[in-house]
Each structure stands twice: as structure tokens, then as C-alpha cells.
N, C-alpha and C. Protein backbone atom coordinates (compact mmCIF):
# COMPACT_ATOMS: atom_id res chain seq x y z
N MET A 1 0.95 -1.25 0.15
CA MET A 1 -0.22 -0.06 -0.18
C MET A 1 1.05 1.22 0.09
N LYS A 2 0.50 2.16 -0.89
CA LYS A 2 1.07 3.36 -0.71
C LYS A 2 0.69 4.33 0.15
N THR A 3 1.69 5.11 0.74
CA THR A 3 1.03 6.12 1.63
C THR A 3 1.05 7.58 1.12
N CYS A 4 0.55 8.36 1.67
CA CYS A 4 0.63 10.12 1.24
C CYS A 4 2.13 10.61 1.98
N TYR A 5 2.71 11.50 1.03
CA TYR A 5 3.97 12.16 1.75
C TYR A 5 3.62 13.19 2.58
N SER A 6 2.34 13.58 2.61
CA SER A 6 1.95 14.72 3.52
C SER A 6 1.48 14.12 5.01
N CYS A 7 0.36 13.38 4.72
CA CYS A 7 -0.46 12.74 5.79
C CYS A 7 -0.27 11.63 6.24
N LYS A 8 0.36 10.83 5.43
CA LYS A 8 0.63 9.40 5.76
C LYS A 8 -0.89 8.39 5.55
N GLY A 9 -1.79 9.35 4.69
CA GLY A 9 -2.98 8.53 4.53
C GLY A 9 -2.57 7.31 3.36
N ARG A 10 -3.90 6.86 2.94
CA ARG A 10 -3.75 5.58 1.79
C ARG A 10 -3.78 6.25 0.72
N VAL A 11 -3.05 5.91 -0.41
CA VAL A 11 -3.10 6.49 -1.50
C VAL A 11 -3.86 5.34 -2.69
N VAL A 12 -4.76 5.76 -3.49
CA VAL A 12 -5.09 4.91 -4.16
C VAL A 12 -5.22 5.44 -5.92
N LYS A 13 -5.26 4.80 -6.69
CA LYS A 13 -5.48 5.07 -8.10
C LYS A 13 -6.76 5.34 -8.32
N LYS A 14 -6.84 6.36 -9.04
CA LYS A 14 -8.33 7.05 -9.45
C LYS A 14 -8.07 8.11 -10.85
N LYS A 15 -9.23 7.94 -11.43
CA LYS A 15 -9.21 8.86 -12.63
C LYS A 15 -9.97 10.04 -12.23
N ILE A 16 -9.58 11.10 -12.63
CA ILE A 16 -10.06 12.71 -11.97
C ILE A 16 -10.24 13.46 -13.58
N ASN A 17 -11.06 14.56 -13.22
CA ASN A 17 -11.19 15.44 -14.54
C ASN A 17 -10.14 16.74 -14.09
N ILE A 18 -9.55 17.26 -14.79
CA ILE A 18 -8.60 18.36 -14.56
C ILE A 18 -9.15 19.66 -15.13
N GLU A 19 -9.51 20.80 -14.69
CA GLU A 19 -9.94 21.86 -15.36
C GLU A 19 -8.71 22.96 -15.39
N ILE A 20 -8.50 23.54 -16.57
CA ILE A 20 -7.41 24.57 -16.60
C ILE A 20 -7.96 25.81 -17.68
N ASN A 21 -8.27 26.76 -16.84
CA ASN A 21 -8.94 27.75 -17.30
C ASN A 21 -9.85 27.76 -18.50
N GLY A 22 -10.88 26.99 -18.02
CA GLY A 22 -12.04 26.46 -18.76
C GLY A 22 -11.88 25.41 -19.74
N VAL A 23 -10.77 24.93 -19.87
CA VAL A 23 -10.62 23.62 -20.59
C VAL A 23 -10.49 22.42 -19.83
N VAL A 24 -11.52 21.32 -20.02
CA VAL A 24 -11.32 20.16 -19.08
C VAL A 24 -10.62 19.09 -19.71
N ILE A 25 -9.76 18.26 -18.93
CA ILE A 25 -9.09 17.14 -19.59
C ILE A 25 -9.63 15.96 -18.58
N GLN A 26 -10.32 14.99 -19.28
CA GLN A 26 -11.12 14.08 -18.53
C GLN A 26 -10.41 12.53 -18.36
N ASN A 27 -10.72 12.18 -17.52
CA ASN A 27 -10.11 10.79 -17.03
C ASN A 27 -8.63 10.64 -16.87
N VAL A 28 -8.21 11.56 -16.28
CA VAL A 28 -6.73 11.52 -15.95
C VAL A 28 -6.39 10.54 -14.96
N GLU A 29 -5.52 9.77 -15.44
CA GLU A 29 -5.05 8.66 -14.49
C GLU A 29 -3.95 9.24 -13.17
N THR A 30 -4.46 9.06 -12.01
CA THR A 30 -3.49 9.56 -10.90
C THR A 30 -3.69 8.88 -9.77
N GLU A 31 -2.63 9.41 -8.53
CA GLU A 31 -3.26 8.40 -7.42
C GLU A 31 -3.10 9.49 -6.57
N VAL A 32 -4.37 9.05 -5.56
CA VAL A 32 -5.13 10.46 -4.96
C VAL A 32 -5.13 9.78 -3.12
N CYS A 33 -4.68 10.50 -2.41
CA CYS A 33 -4.79 10.26 -0.98
C CYS A 33 -6.13 10.45 -0.58
N GLU A 34 -6.65 9.16 0.16
CA GLU A 34 -8.24 9.24 0.60
C GLU A 34 -8.40 10.13 1.84
N ARG A 35 -6.96 10.61 2.36
CA ARG A 35 -7.44 11.24 3.60
C ARG A 35 -7.39 12.92 3.33
N CYS A 36 -6.34 13.40 2.83
CA CYS A 36 -6.00 14.75 2.39
C CYS A 36 -6.55 15.27 1.06
N GLY A 37 -6.63 14.25 0.10
CA GLY A 37 -6.73 14.63 -1.20
C GLY A 37 -5.65 14.83 -2.18
N GLU A 38 -4.27 15.01 -1.70
CA GLU A 38 -3.18 15.13 -2.29
C GLU A 38 -3.28 14.34 -3.72
N GLU A 39 -2.86 14.81 -4.60
CA GLU A 39 -2.84 13.96 -6.02
C GLU A 39 -1.19 14.07 -6.44
N TYR A 40 -1.19 12.58 -7.07
CA TYR A 40 0.37 12.31 -7.59
C TYR A 40 0.14 11.85 -9.09
N PHE A 41 1.00 12.63 -9.70
CA PHE A 41 0.85 12.01 -11.09
C PHE A 41 2.08 11.75 -11.50
N ASP A 42 2.26 10.55 -12.58
CA ASP A 42 3.60 10.13 -13.44
C ASP A 42 4.15 11.27 -13.99
N THR A 43 5.34 10.99 -14.41
CA THR A 43 6.00 12.19 -14.96
C THR A 43 5.41 12.46 -16.67
N PRO A 44 5.12 11.16 -17.52
CA PRO A 44 4.40 11.43 -18.78
C PRO A 44 3.04 12.36 -18.38
N THR A 45 2.28 12.09 -17.58
CA THR A 45 1.07 12.95 -17.12
C THR A 45 1.33 14.27 -16.78
N ALA A 46 2.27 14.52 -16.03
CA ALA A 46 2.47 15.72 -15.24
C ALA A 46 3.10 16.80 -16.51
N THR A 47 3.69 15.96 -17.54
CA THR A 47 4.19 16.77 -18.43
C THR A 47 3.03 17.16 -19.51
N PHE A 48 2.04 16.30 -20.00
CA PHE A 48 1.16 16.27 -20.48
C PHE A 48 0.19 17.43 -20.06
N ILE A 49 -0.17 17.47 -18.72
CA ILE A 49 -0.91 18.68 -18.15
C ILE A 49 -0.16 19.81 -18.34
N GLN A 50 1.28 20.14 -17.97
CA GLN A 50 1.82 21.50 -18.33
C GLN A 50 2.04 21.76 -19.58
N ASN A 51 1.73 20.85 -20.57
CA ASN A 51 2.12 21.36 -21.94
C ASN A 51 0.49 21.68 -22.42
N VAL A 52 -0.64 21.35 -21.77
CA VAL A 52 -2.08 21.60 -21.91
C VAL A 52 -2.24 23.05 -21.34
N ALA A 53 -1.42 23.29 -20.37
CA ALA A 53 -1.66 24.53 -19.29
C ALA A 53 -0.82 25.66 -20.21
N ARG A 54 0.09 25.39 -20.52
CA ARG A 54 0.76 26.27 -21.36
C ARG A 54 0.17 26.84 -22.93
N PHE A 55 -0.14 26.01 -23.49
CA PHE A 55 -1.04 26.10 -24.64
C PHE A 55 -2.15 26.84 -24.39
N VAL A 56 -3.04 26.29 -23.23
CA VAL A 56 -4.35 27.38 -22.91
C VAL A 56 -4.02 28.60 -22.41
N GLU A 57 -3.00 28.94 -21.80
CA GLU A 57 -2.65 30.19 -21.11
C GLU A 57 -2.35 31.13 -22.51
N LYS A 58 -1.16 30.55 -23.45
CA LYS A 58 -1.03 31.35 -24.76
C LYS A 58 -2.25 31.47 -25.48
N GLU A 59 -3.26 30.82 -25.78
CA GLU A 59 -4.16 31.01 -26.46
C GLU A 59 -5.05 32.24 -25.74
N ARG A 60 -5.24 32.30 -24.58
CA ARG A 60 -5.97 32.97 -23.59
C ARG A 60 -5.24 34.27 -23.85
N VAL A 61 -4.04 34.46 -23.70
CA VAL A 61 -3.22 35.68 -23.79
C VAL A 61 -3.48 36.05 -25.09
N GLY A 62 -3.30 35.46 -26.22
CA GLY A 62 -3.59 35.77 -27.56
C GLY A 62 -4.74 36.40 -27.86
N VAL A 63 -5.83 35.85 -27.33
CA VAL A 63 -7.24 36.56 -27.28
C VAL A 63 -7.42 37.94 -26.67
N LYS A 64 -6.82 37.92 -25.35
CA LYS A 64 -6.76 39.10 -24.93
C LYS A 64 -6.09 40.47 -25.60
N THR A 65 -4.93 40.12 -26.08
CA THR A 65 -4.01 40.93 -26.67
C THR A 65 -4.70 41.29 -28.05
N ALA A 66 -5.49 40.62 -28.69
CA ALA A 66 -5.93 40.96 -30.08
C ALA A 66 -6.63 42.23 -29.99
N LYS A 67 -6.43 42.79 -31.33
CA LYS A 67 -7.03 44.10 -31.20
C LYS A 67 -7.79 44.30 -32.96
N PRO A 68 -9.17 44.85 -32.58
CA PRO A 68 -9.89 45.07 -33.75
C PRO A 68 -9.32 45.68 -35.04
N VAL A 69 -9.66 45.23 -36.41
CA VAL A 69 -9.08 45.92 -37.47
C VAL A 69 -10.27 46.43 -38.13
N ALA A 70 -9.78 47.74 -38.59
CA ALA A 70 -10.95 48.27 -39.38
C ALA A 70 -10.73 47.52 -40.68
N VAL A 71 -12.16 47.55 -41.25
CA VAL A 71 -12.36 46.99 -42.59
C VAL A 71 -12.71 47.94 -43.61
């Protein structure tokens, strides 16, 4: 049995949904502490989440900085 680094509670495998600035990534495999809710991701999953977050932030900034063009 795996234990949580934070509270020593039991860690179980679970699929969760992650929301990043309005974009939802569904069924992300992770390990979650049953006591405190701490989430643990393997390296490929963490890298994927970081890449999605960067993309979403880049697109969001692009939209915010867009200026109307006279036609």
C-alpha cells in the first residue's frame, strides 16, 4: 500500500477531471490520498498537463491582446 507524503494516509489509483482555464481534461489517471486529497501524477501525465496549461495560457493571452482591425 502506498502512503501519502503529506499526511501518511492511504493513496489509491483514480481517474479525475482537471480544469485549466475553462478547458477540461477528462479521465486523467492519478493517485489520490483518501485522507487529504493530495494528487500524485507520473512524469508523462504531469508533462502532458503542463503542456496543455501552457497552450491554454498562450491562446488566452493571444485572445486578450488581439486588437480589432478596421475593414
